Amino acid sequence: MARPKSYRELIVWQKAMSLARQAYQLSRSLPKSELFGLSNQIRRSAVSVPSNIAEGFGRLTDLQFRHFLGNARGSLYELQTQIELAADFGYFDNESLQKFQEQSSEVARLINGLLGSLSDYERAEVAVNAASSVSAAISASSANTANKRFHP
C-alpha cells in the first residue's frame, strides 16, 4: 500500500474535517447555558477526530498510526453521543441530526477501513520479517556448520 505524502490526502481526514465543521455549526445552535457544557464538549471531540488522524499519520510506524486512529474513533463515538444527547434535549431539528449521523457514520466506516488495511499490512510485514529472520538464521547456521567442517 503506497502511503500518501500528507495526511491532507487521506479521504478519512478530509471527511473528519468536514464533520468537525458541521459539529461546530450545530454547537452554535445550543443555548448559552450549554456554552461551557455540552457545546464545549462537542467542539473538543469534533476537533479531536481529524487531529488524531493527522497526528497518527505523522508517527513513525503503522502500529502507532493505528493507535491514533483508535483515539480518533473513540472521539468520534464520543461526538456522536454528545450530538445525540443534544438532540434528545430538543436542540437540533431532525434534518440536521440525520445529516450529522450520515456523515459521522461515513467517517466511522473510513476509520475502520483504514484500521483494517493497516492491520492487514502489518500482518504481511510481520510474515515477511519472520521469513527474513528464519532465512538469516538458516544462513548463519549453515555458515557456522561449514566453518566447523573446515576449522576443527
Protein backbone atom coordinates (compact mmCIF):
# COMPACT_ATOMS: atom_id res chain seq x y z
CA MET A 1 0.00 0.00 0.00
CA ALA A 2 1.55 3.29 -1.09
CA ARG A 3 1.39 5.83 1.69
CA PRO A 4 0.21 9.34 0.76
CA LYS A 5 2.72 12.16 1.22
CA SER A 6 0.43 14.13 3.51
CA TYR A 7 -2.40 13.39 5.89
CA ARG A 8 -4.36 16.00 3.92
CA GLU A 9 -4.59 13.47 1.09
CA LEU A 10 -6.42 10.98 3.31
CA ILE A 11 -10.13 10.96 2.50
CA VAL A 12 -10.86 9.99 6.11
CA TRP A 13 -9.10 13.16 7.32
CA GLN A 14 -10.95 15.32 4.76
CA LYS A 15 -14.32 13.86 5.82
CA ALA A 16 -13.43 14.23 9.52
CA MET A 17 -12.60 17.90 8.92
CA SER A 18 -15.97 18.40 7.26
CA LEU A 19 -17.67 16.65 10.18
CA ALA A 20 -15.86 18.91 12.67
CA ARG A 21 -17.09 21.99 10.79
CA GLN A 22 -20.62 20.57 10.85
CA ALA A 23 -20.38 19.87 14.60
CA TYR A 24 -19.24 23.45 15.22
CA GLN A 25 -22.25 24.70 13.26
CA LEU A 26 -24.57 22.50 15.30
CA SER A 27 -22.99 23.64 18.57
CA ARG A 28 -23.79 27.25 17.67
CA SER A 29 -27.49 26.45 17.96
CA LEU A 30 -27.14 25.31 21.58
CA PRO A 31 -28.42 27.68 24.27
CA LYS A 32 -25.97 29.92 26.13
CA SER A 33 -26.43 27.76 29.22
CA GLU A 34 -24.58 24.97 27.34
CA LEU A 35 -21.61 27.16 26.33
CA PHE A 36 -19.28 25.61 28.92
CA GLY A 37 -21.02 22.25 28.98
CA LEU A 38 -22.27 20.30 26.01
CA SER A 39 -21.19 22.90 23.43
CA ASN A 40 -17.60 22.82 24.67
CA GLN A 41 -17.57 19.01 24.76
CA ILE A 42 -18.94 18.76 21.21
CA ARG A 43 -16.27 21.11 19.91
CA ARG A 44 -13.44 19.33 21.70
CA SER A 45 -14.39 15.87 20.49
CA ALA A 46 -15.09 17.19 16.96
CA VAL A 47 -11.60 18.70 16.73
CA SER A 48 -10.05 15.56 18.19
CA VAL A 49 -11.16 13.29 15.33
CA PRO A 50 -9.17 14.84 12.44
CA SER A 51 -6.39 15.88 14.84
CA ASN A 52 -5.75 12.28 15.91
CA ILE A 53 -5.81 11.11 12.29
CA ALA A 54 -3.19 13.73 11.39
CA GLU A 55 -1.05 13.03 14.44
CA GLY A 56 -1.12 9.29 13.83
CA PHE A 57 -0.15 9.78 10.20
CA GLY A 58 2.92 11.68 11.39
CA ARG A 59 4.10 8.86 13.64
CA LEU A 60 6.87 6.53 12.58
CA THR A 61 5.10 3.19 12.42
CA ASP A 62 1.78 1.81 11.29
CA LEU A 63 1.28 0.44 14.79
CA GLN A 64 1.47 3.97 16.17
CA PHE A 65 -0.83 5.20 13.41
CA ARG A 66 -3.36 2.50 14.39
CA HIS A 67 -3.21 3.70 18.00
CA PHE A 68 -4.15 7.25 16.98
CA LEU A 69 -6.84 6.00 14.62
CA GLY A 70 -8.28 4.21 17.63
CA ASN A 71 -8.23 7.51 19.53
CA ALA A 72 -9.94 9.22 16.58
CA ARG A 73 -12.63 6.54 16.55
CA GLY A 74 -13.16 6.95 20.29
CA SER A 75 -13.51 10.72 19.88
CA LEU A 76 -15.95 10.16 17.02
CA TYR A 77 -18.14 7.91 19.17
CA GLU A 78 -17.95 10.49 21.95
CA LEU A 79 -19.06 13.18 19.48
CA GLN A 80 -21.92 11.03 18.21
CA THR A 81 -23.10 10.51 21.78
CA GLN A 82 -22.97 14.22 22.59
CA ILE A 83 -24.88 15.19 19.44
CA GLU A 84 -27.50 12.53 20.16
CA LEU A 85 -27.85 13.80 23.71
CA ALA A 86 -28.26 17.40 22.48
CA ALA A 87 -30.90 16.18 20.02
CA ASP A 88 -32.72 14.40 22.86
CA PHE A 89 -32.84 17.76 24.64
CA GLY A 90 -34.51 19.20 21.55
CA TYR A 91 -31.61 21.44 20.47
CA PHE A 92 -31.45 20.15 16.86
CA ASP A 93 -34.03 19.53 14.17
CA ASN A 94 -34.36 16.04 12.67
CA GLU A 95 -32.84 17.06 9.33
CA SER A 96 -29.66 18.41 10.94
CA LEU A 97 -29.38 15.36 13.14
CA GLN A 98 -29.86 12.96 10.23
CA LYS A 99 -27.24 14.76 8.11
CA PHE A 100 -24.78 14.61 11.00
CA GLN A 101 -25.45 10.92 11.64
CA GLU A 102 -24.90 10.04 7.98
CA GLN A 103 -21.65 11.96 7.82
CA SER A 104 -20.36 10.60 11.14
CA SER A 105 -21.21 7.03 10.08
CA GLU A 106 -19.19 7.55 6.91
CA VAL A 107 -16.19 8.78 8.91
CA ALA A 108 -16.51 5.73 11.19
CA ARG A 109 -16.54 3.38 8.18
CA LEU A 110 -13.46 5.09 6.75
CA ILE A 111 -11.56 4.90 10.05
CA ASN A 112 -12.48 1.23 10.45
CA GLY A 113 -11.44 0.52 6.87
CA LEU A 114 -8.08 2.21 7.35
CA LEU A 115 -7.56 0.34 10.62
CA GLY A 116 -8.30 -2.91 8.78
CA SER A 117 -5.94 -2.15 5.93
CA LEU A 118 -3.14 -1.21 8.32
CA SER A 119 -3.77 -4.42 10.24
CA ASP A 120 -3.56 -6.46 7.02
CA TYR A 121 -0.39 -4.62 6.02
CA GLU A 122 1.06 -5.16 9.49
CA ARG A 123 0.36 -8.92 9.33
CA ALA A 124 2.04 -9.14 5.91
CA GLU A 125 5.01 -7.14 7.19
CA VAL A 126 5.35 -9.45 10.22
CA ALA A 127 5.25 -12.50 7.91
CA VAL A 128 7.97 -11.02 5.68
CA ASN A 129 10.11 -10.13 8.71
CA ALA A 130 9.63 -13.62 10.17
CA ALA A 131 10.62 -15.21 6.86
CA SER A 132 13.70 -12.96 6.71
CA SER A 133 14.64 -13.92 10.26
CA VAL A 134 14.28 -17.63 9.51
CA SER A 135 16.34 -17.21 6.34
CA ALA A 136 19.04 -15.32 8.26
CA ALA A 137 19.07 -17.97 10.98
CA ILE A 138 19.43 -20.75 8.41
CA SER A 139 22.25 -18.87 6.68
CA ALA A 140 24.03 -18.29 9.99
CA SER A 141 23.60 -21.92 10.96
CA SER A 142 24.89 -23.09 7.59
CA ALA A 143 27.89 -20.79 7.81
CA ASN A 144 28.59 -21.97 11.34
CA THR A 145 28.37 -25.62 10.27
CA ALA A 146 30.61 -25.02 7.26
CA ASN A 147 33.09 -23.17 9.45
CA LYS A 148 33.28 -26.15 11.85
CA ARG A 149 33.96 -28.54 8.97
CA PHE A 150 36.94 -26.59 7.73
CA HIS A 151 38.27 -25.45 11.10
CA PRO A 152 38.19 -28.30 13.62
